[in-house]
């Protein structure tokens, strides 16, 4: 599976962005999908994860109520809608394909910068 993330950019605090991650291959629907982020000097952290069917999601406490993960298996794409952005959301965001606890495939990352 090859993953291509897009949609990052510079936004003011309180604004919104939608990240997209397009997957190649015909096995997209066999993977859970997730978004991680990594801020400078910090460890990579899980932001959100969605099940293969899209029926189950989980979020980091820091983004609950502000971010929404979704997927379109017909388009082989996973999304991250980010609302009410804060400067602390500034990071490189990565999409990944997961099976169980193994995150097998990673996209190249897209930069999100939130100005105060």
N, C-alpha and C. Protein backbone atom coordinates (compact mmCIF):
# COMPACT_ATOMS: atom_id res chain seq x y z
N UNK A 1 0.85 -1.19 0.00
CA UNK A 1 0.00 0.00 0.00
C UNK A 1 0.89 1.23 0.00
N UNK A 2 0.65 2.12 -0.93
CA UNK A 2 1.35 3.41 -0.94
C UNK A 2 0.36 4.50 -0.56
N UNK A 3 0.82 5.41 0.30
CA UNK A 3 -0.06 6.43 0.85
C UNK A 3 0.46 7.82 0.48
N UNK A 4 -0.43 8.68 0.08
CA UNK A 4 -0.07 10.05 -0.32
C UNK A 4 -0.96 11.02 0.43
N UNK A 5 -0.37 11.74 1.37
CA UNK A 5 -1.13 12.70 2.17
C UNK A 5 -1.08 14.09 1.55
N UNK A 6 -2.15 14.83 1.73
CA UNK A 6 -2.22 16.20 1.22
C UNK A 6 -3.19 17.01 2.07
N UNK A 7 -3.18 18.32 1.83
CA UNK A 7 -4.15 19.18 2.49
C UNK A 7 -3.60 20.03 3.61
N UNK A 8 -2.34 19.85 3.96
CA UNK A 8 -1.77 20.68 5.01
C UNK A 8 -1.59 22.11 4.55
N UNK A 9 -1.22 22.97 5.49
CA UNK A 9 -1.01 24.36 5.15
C UNK A 9 -0.91 25.22 6.39
N UNK A 10 -0.97 26.52 6.16
CA UNK A 10 -0.91 27.51 7.24
C UNK A 10 -2.31 28.06 7.48
N UNK A 11 -2.72 28.05 8.74
CA UNK A 11 -4.06 28.52 9.08
C UNK A 11 -3.99 29.26 10.42
N UNK A 12 -4.87 30.20 10.61
CA UNK A 12 -4.93 30.91 11.88
C UNK A 12 -5.64 30.07 12.93
N UNK A 13 -5.32 30.33 14.17
CA UNK A 13 -5.99 29.64 15.28
C UNK A 13 -7.51 29.82 15.15
N UNK A 14 -8.22 28.74 15.37
CA UNK A 14 -9.67 28.75 15.22
C UNK A 14 -10.14 28.33 13.85
N UNK A 15 -9.22 28.22 12.92
CA UNK A 15 -9.57 27.84 11.56
C UNK A 15 -9.68 26.34 11.39
N UNK A 16 -9.88 25.94 10.13
CA UNK A 16 -10.08 24.53 9.79
C UNK A 16 -9.21 24.12 8.61
N UNK A 17 -8.90 22.85 8.59
CA UNK A 17 -8.23 22.22 7.45
C UNK A 17 -8.78 20.80 7.32
N UNK A 18 -8.74 20.30 6.10
CA UNK A 18 -9.07 18.89 5.88
C UNK A 18 -7.89 18.21 5.20
N UNK A 19 -7.37 17.21 5.86
CA UNK A 19 -6.30 16.41 5.29
C UNK A 19 -6.91 15.22 4.55
N UNK A 20 -6.25 14.84 3.48
CA UNK A 20 -6.65 13.66 2.72
C UNK A 20 -5.45 12.74 2.59
N UNK A 21 -5.72 11.46 2.50
CA UNK A 21 -4.67 10.47 2.27
C UNK A 21 -5.20 9.46 1.28
N UNK A 22 -4.61 9.48 0.10
CA UNK A 22 -5.02 8.57 -0.95
C UNK A 22 -4.12 7.34 -0.95
N UNK A 23 -4.73 6.17 -1.04
CA UNK A 23 -3.99 4.92 -1.01
C UNK A 23 -4.04 4.24 -2.37
N UNK A 24 -2.93 3.64 -2.73
CA UNK A 24 -2.90 2.84 -3.94
C UNK A 24 -3.20 1.40 -3.58
N UNK A 25 -3.51 0.60 -4.56
CA UNK A 25 -3.72 -0.82 -4.31
C UNK A 25 -5.18 -1.14 -4.02
N UNK A 26 -5.48 -2.43 -4.08
CA UNK A 26 -6.86 -2.87 -3.93
C UNK A 26 -7.15 -3.42 -2.55
N UNK A 27 -6.22 -3.22 -1.59
CA UNK A 27 -6.43 -3.78 -0.25
C UNK A 27 -6.73 -2.72 0.79
N UNK A 28 -7.04 -1.51 0.36
CA UNK A 28 -7.28 -0.41 1.29
C UNK A 28 -8.30 -0.78 2.34
N UNK A 29 -9.38 -1.39 1.94
CA UNK A 29 -10.47 -1.68 2.87
C UNK A 29 -10.14 -2.79 3.86
N UNK A 30 -8.99 -3.41 3.71
CA UNK A 30 -8.59 -4.45 4.66
C UNK A 30 -7.75 -3.90 5.80
N UNK A 31 -7.52 -2.60 5.79
CA UNK A 31 -6.71 -1.95 6.83
C UNK A 31 -7.52 -0.95 7.63
N UNK A 32 -7.29 -0.94 8.93
CA UNK A 32 -7.62 0.26 9.69
C UNK A 32 -6.71 1.37 9.19
N UNK A 33 -7.16 2.60 9.30
CA UNK A 33 -6.34 3.75 8.91
C UNK A 33 -6.21 4.70 10.09
N UNK A 34 -5.09 5.38 10.14
CA UNK A 34 -4.86 6.28 11.26
C UNK A 34 -4.07 7.50 10.80
N UNK A 35 -4.19 8.55 11.60
CA UNK A 35 -3.37 9.75 11.44
C UNK A 35 -2.52 9.90 12.70
N UNK A 36 -1.25 10.12 12.49
CA UNK A 36 -0.32 10.48 13.55
C UNK A 36 0.18 11.90 13.27
N UNK A 37 0.79 12.49 14.27
CA UNK A 37 1.45 13.77 14.05
C UNK A 37 2.73 13.82 14.88
N UNK A 38 3.65 14.66 14.40
CA UNK A 38 4.91 14.84 15.11
C UNK A 38 5.29 16.30 15.07
N UNK A 39 5.35 16.90 16.24
CA UNK A 39 5.78 18.29 16.37
C UNK A 39 7.29 18.32 16.60
N UNK A 40 7.94 19.42 16.29
CA UNK A 40 9.40 19.51 16.49
C UNK A 40 9.80 19.20 17.93
N UNK A 41 10.75 18.30 18.07
CA UNK A 41 11.25 17.96 19.39
C UNK A 41 10.35 17.04 20.20
N UNK A 42 9.28 16.56 19.58
CA UNK A 42 8.35 15.69 20.30
C UNK A 42 8.23 14.35 19.60
N UNK A 43 7.74 13.36 20.35
CA UNK A 43 7.51 12.04 19.78
C UNK A 43 6.29 12.07 18.86
N UNK A 44 6.28 11.14 17.93
CA UNK A 44 5.10 10.98 17.08
C UNK A 44 3.95 10.48 17.94
N UNK A 45 2.76 11.03 17.75
CA UNK A 45 1.61 10.63 18.55
C UNK A 45 0.42 10.29 17.68
N UNK A 46 -0.37 9.35 18.15
CA UNK A 46 -1.59 8.98 17.45
C UNK A 46 -2.63 10.08 17.63
N UNK A 47 -3.21 10.49 16.52
CA UNK A 47 -4.26 11.52 16.55
C UNK A 47 -5.64 10.88 16.46
N UNK A 48 -5.81 9.98 15.49
CA UNK A 48 -7.12 9.36 15.28
C UNK A 48 -6.94 8.08 14.49
N UNK A 49 -7.88 7.17 14.69
CA UNK A 49 -7.84 5.90 13.98
C UNK A 49 -9.27 5.51 13.61
N UNK A 50 -9.41 4.86 12.46
CA UNK A 50 -10.73 4.44 12.00
C UNK A 50 -10.65 2.99 11.55
N UNK A 51 -11.71 2.24 11.83
CA UNK A 51 -11.73 0.82 11.48
C UNK A 51 -11.91 0.62 9.99
N UNK A 52 -11.78 -0.62 9.55
CA UNK A 52 -11.84 -0.94 8.12
C UNK A 52 -13.15 -0.50 7.49
N UNK A 53 -14.24 -0.69 8.21
CA UNK A 53 -15.55 -0.33 7.67
C UNK A 53 -15.91 1.13 7.91
N UNK A 54 -15.16 1.76 8.78
CA UNK A 54 -15.48 3.14 9.17
C UNK A 54 -16.44 3.22 10.32
N UNK A 55 -16.85 2.09 10.85
CA UNK A 55 -17.85 2.09 11.90
C UNK A 55 -17.32 2.38 13.29
N UNK A 56 -16.01 2.35 13.46
CA UNK A 56 -15.42 2.59 14.77
C UNK A 56 -14.26 3.57 14.64
N UNK A 57 -14.23 4.54 15.54
CA UNK A 57 -13.16 5.53 15.53
C UNK A 57 -12.64 5.74 16.95
N UNK A 58 -11.42 6.22 17.03
CA UNK A 58 -10.89 6.65 18.31
C UNK A 58 -10.03 7.87 18.09
N UNK A 59 -9.93 8.69 19.14
CA UNK A 59 -9.22 9.96 19.04
C UNK A 59 -8.35 10.19 20.27
N UNK A 60 -7.28 10.90 20.05
CA UNK A 60 -6.50 11.39 21.18
C UNK A 60 -7.35 12.39 21.95
N UNK A 61 -7.17 12.42 23.27
CA UNK A 61 -7.96 13.34 24.09
C UNK A 61 -7.79 14.79 23.64
N UNK A 62 -6.61 15.11 23.16
CA UNK A 62 -6.31 16.49 22.79
C UNK A 62 -7.09 16.98 21.58
N UNK A 63 -7.66 16.06 20.80
CA UNK A 63 -8.37 16.48 19.58
C UNK A 63 -9.85 16.11 19.59
N UNK A 64 -10.29 15.41 20.62
CA UNK A 64 -11.70 14.99 20.69
C UNK A 64 -12.62 16.20 20.62
N UNK A 65 -13.66 16.07 19.79
CA UNK A 65 -14.61 17.15 19.63
C UNK A 65 -14.19 18.19 18.62
N UNK A 66 -12.94 18.13 18.16
CA UNK A 66 -12.45 19.11 17.17
C UNK A 66 -12.09 18.44 15.84
N UNK A 67 -11.57 17.23 15.89
CA UNK A 67 -11.14 16.51 14.70
C UNK A 67 -12.10 15.36 14.41
N UNK A 68 -12.27 15.06 13.13
CA UNK A 68 -13.09 13.93 12.71
C UNK A 68 -12.36 13.15 11.63
N UNK A 69 -12.19 11.85 11.87
CA UNK A 69 -11.58 10.98 10.88
C UNK A 69 -12.70 10.25 10.13
N UNK A 70 -12.53 10.10 8.84
CA UNK A 70 -13.51 9.38 8.03
C UNK A 70 -12.79 8.71 6.87
N UNK A 71 -13.48 7.85 6.18
CA UNK A 71 -12.87 7.16 5.05
C UNK A 71 -13.91 6.89 3.98
N UNK A 72 -13.44 6.78 2.77
CA UNK A 72 -14.26 6.42 1.63
C UNK A 72 -13.55 5.25 0.95
N UNK A 73 -14.03 4.04 1.21
CA UNK A 73 -13.35 2.86 0.66
C UNK A 73 -13.47 2.78 -0.86
N UNK A 74 -14.51 3.37 -1.42
CA UNK A 74 -14.66 3.37 -2.87
C UNK A 74 -13.59 4.24 -3.53
N UNK A 75 -13.11 5.24 -2.80
CA UNK A 75 -12.09 6.15 -3.33
C UNK A 75 -10.71 5.87 -2.75
N UNK A 76 -10.61 4.84 -1.91
CA UNK A 76 -9.32 4.51 -1.28
C UNK A 76 -8.71 5.73 -0.58
N UNK A 77 -9.53 6.45 0.14
CA UNK A 77 -9.08 7.69 0.75
C UNK A 77 -9.57 7.79 2.20
N UNK A 78 -8.68 8.29 3.06
CA UNK A 78 -9.03 8.59 4.44
C UNK A 78 -8.85 10.09 4.64
N UNK A 79 -9.70 10.67 5.47
CA UNK A 79 -9.70 12.11 5.69
C UNK A 79 -9.52 12.43 7.18
N UNK A 80 -9.04 13.62 7.43
CA UNK A 80 -9.01 14.14 8.79
C UNK A 80 -9.50 15.59 8.72
N UNK A 81 -10.72 15.79 9.19
CA UNK A 81 -11.28 17.14 9.26
C UNK A 81 -10.86 17.75 10.59
N UNK A 82 -10.18 18.87 10.52
CA UNK A 82 -9.64 19.50 11.72
C UNK A 82 -10.27 20.89 11.88
N UNK A 83 -11.04 21.04 12.93
CA UNK A 83 -11.70 22.30 13.23
C UNK A 83 -11.15 22.91 14.52
N UNK A 84 -11.44 24.18 14.72
CA UNK A 84 -11.00 24.88 15.94
C UNK A 84 -9.53 24.64 16.21
N UNK A 85 -8.73 24.80 15.19
CA UNK A 85 -7.30 24.50 15.31
C UNK A 85 -6.62 25.43 16.30
N UNK A 86 -5.62 24.85 16.98
CA UNK A 86 -4.85 25.56 18.00
C UNK A 86 -3.38 25.56 17.59
N UNK A 87 -2.60 26.52 18.08
CA UNK A 87 -1.17 26.50 17.76
C UNK A 87 -0.49 25.19 18.14
N UNK A 88 -0.96 24.55 19.19
CA UNK A 88 -0.35 23.28 19.60
C UNK A 88 -0.68 22.12 18.66
N UNK A 89 -1.54 22.35 17.68
CA UNK A 89 -1.80 21.33 16.65
C UNK A 89 -0.75 21.38 15.54
N UNK A 90 0.13 22.35 15.59
CA UNK A 90 1.18 22.47 14.59
C UNK A 90 2.09 21.24 14.63
N UNK A 91 2.23 20.59 13.48
CA UNK A 91 3.00 19.35 13.40
C UNK A 91 3.02 18.88 11.95
N UNK A 92 3.84 17.89 11.70
CA UNK A 92 3.73 17.13 10.45
C UNK A 92 2.76 15.99 10.71
N UNK A 93 1.76 15.87 9.85
CA UNK A 93 0.73 14.85 10.00
C UNK A 93 0.99 13.72 9.00
N UNK A 94 0.92 12.50 9.51
CA UNK A 94 1.18 11.30 8.70
C UNK A 94 -0.05 10.40 8.70
N UNK A 95 -0.36 9.85 7.55
CA UNK A 95 -1.38 8.81 7.52
C UNK A 95 -0.67 7.46 7.49
N UNK A 96 -1.36 6.46 8.02
CA UNK A 96 -0.78 5.13 8.11
C UNK A 96 -1.86 4.08 8.01
N UNK A 97 -1.49 2.93 7.48
CA UNK A 97 -2.39 1.78 7.38
C UNK A 97 -2.00 0.79 8.46
N UNK A 98 -3.00 0.29 9.18
CA UNK A 98 -2.73 -0.53 10.36
C UNK A 98 -3.49 -1.84 10.34
N UNK A 99 -2.82 -2.84 10.90
CA UNK A 99 -3.48 -4.11 11.21
C UNK A 99 -3.12 -4.43 12.65
N UNK A 100 -4.11 -4.44 13.50
CA UNK A 100 -3.84 -4.64 14.91
C UNK A 100 -2.96 -3.53 15.45
N UNK A 101 -1.87 -3.92 16.13
CA UNK A 101 -0.96 -2.92 16.68
C UNK A 101 0.17 -2.56 15.72
N UNK A 102 0.15 -3.13 14.54
CA UNK A 102 1.22 -2.88 13.56
C UNK A 102 0.79 -1.82 12.57
N UNK A 103 1.56 -0.78 12.50
CA UNK A 103 1.33 0.27 11.50
C UNK A 103 2.30 0.00 10.35
N UNK A 104 1.76 -0.64 9.32
CA UNK A 104 2.61 -1.24 8.31
C UNK A 104 3.10 -0.25 7.26
N UNK A 105 2.27 0.69 6.89
CA UNK A 105 2.59 1.58 5.79
C UNK A 105 2.36 3.03 6.21
N UNK A 106 3.27 3.91 5.76
CA UNK A 106 3.21 5.31 6.13
C UNK A 106 3.27 6.19 4.89
N UNK A 107 2.52 7.29 4.94
CA UNK A 107 2.64 8.31 3.92
C UNK A 107 3.81 9.22 4.23
N UNK A 108 4.01 10.20 3.37
CA UNK A 108 5.19 11.05 3.47
C UNK A 108 5.03 12.21 4.44
N UNK A 109 3.84 12.49 4.91
CA UNK A 109 3.61 13.57 5.85
C UNK A 109 3.21 14.86 5.17
N UNK A 110 2.38 15.62 5.85
CA UNK A 110 1.98 16.93 5.36
C UNK A 110 2.03 17.91 6.53
N UNK A 111 2.60 19.08 6.29
CA UNK A 111 2.82 20.06 7.36
C UNK A 111 1.55 20.85 7.64
N UNK A 112 1.20 20.93 8.91
CA UNK A 112 0.11 21.79 9.36
C UNK A 112 0.71 22.81 10.33
N UNK A 113 0.51 24.07 10.03
CA UNK A 113 1.01 25.14 10.89
C UNK A 113 -0.16 26.04 11.29
N UNK A 114 -0.34 26.21 12.58
CA UNK A 114 -1.43 27.04 13.10
C UNK A 114 -0.82 28.25 13.79
N UNK A 115 -1.13 29.40 13.29
CA UNK A 115 -0.59 30.64 13.86
C UNK A 115 -1.54 31.21 14.91
N UNK A 116 -0.95 31.84 15.91
CA UNK A 116 -1.77 32.40 17.00
C UNK A 116 -2.18 33.84 16.71
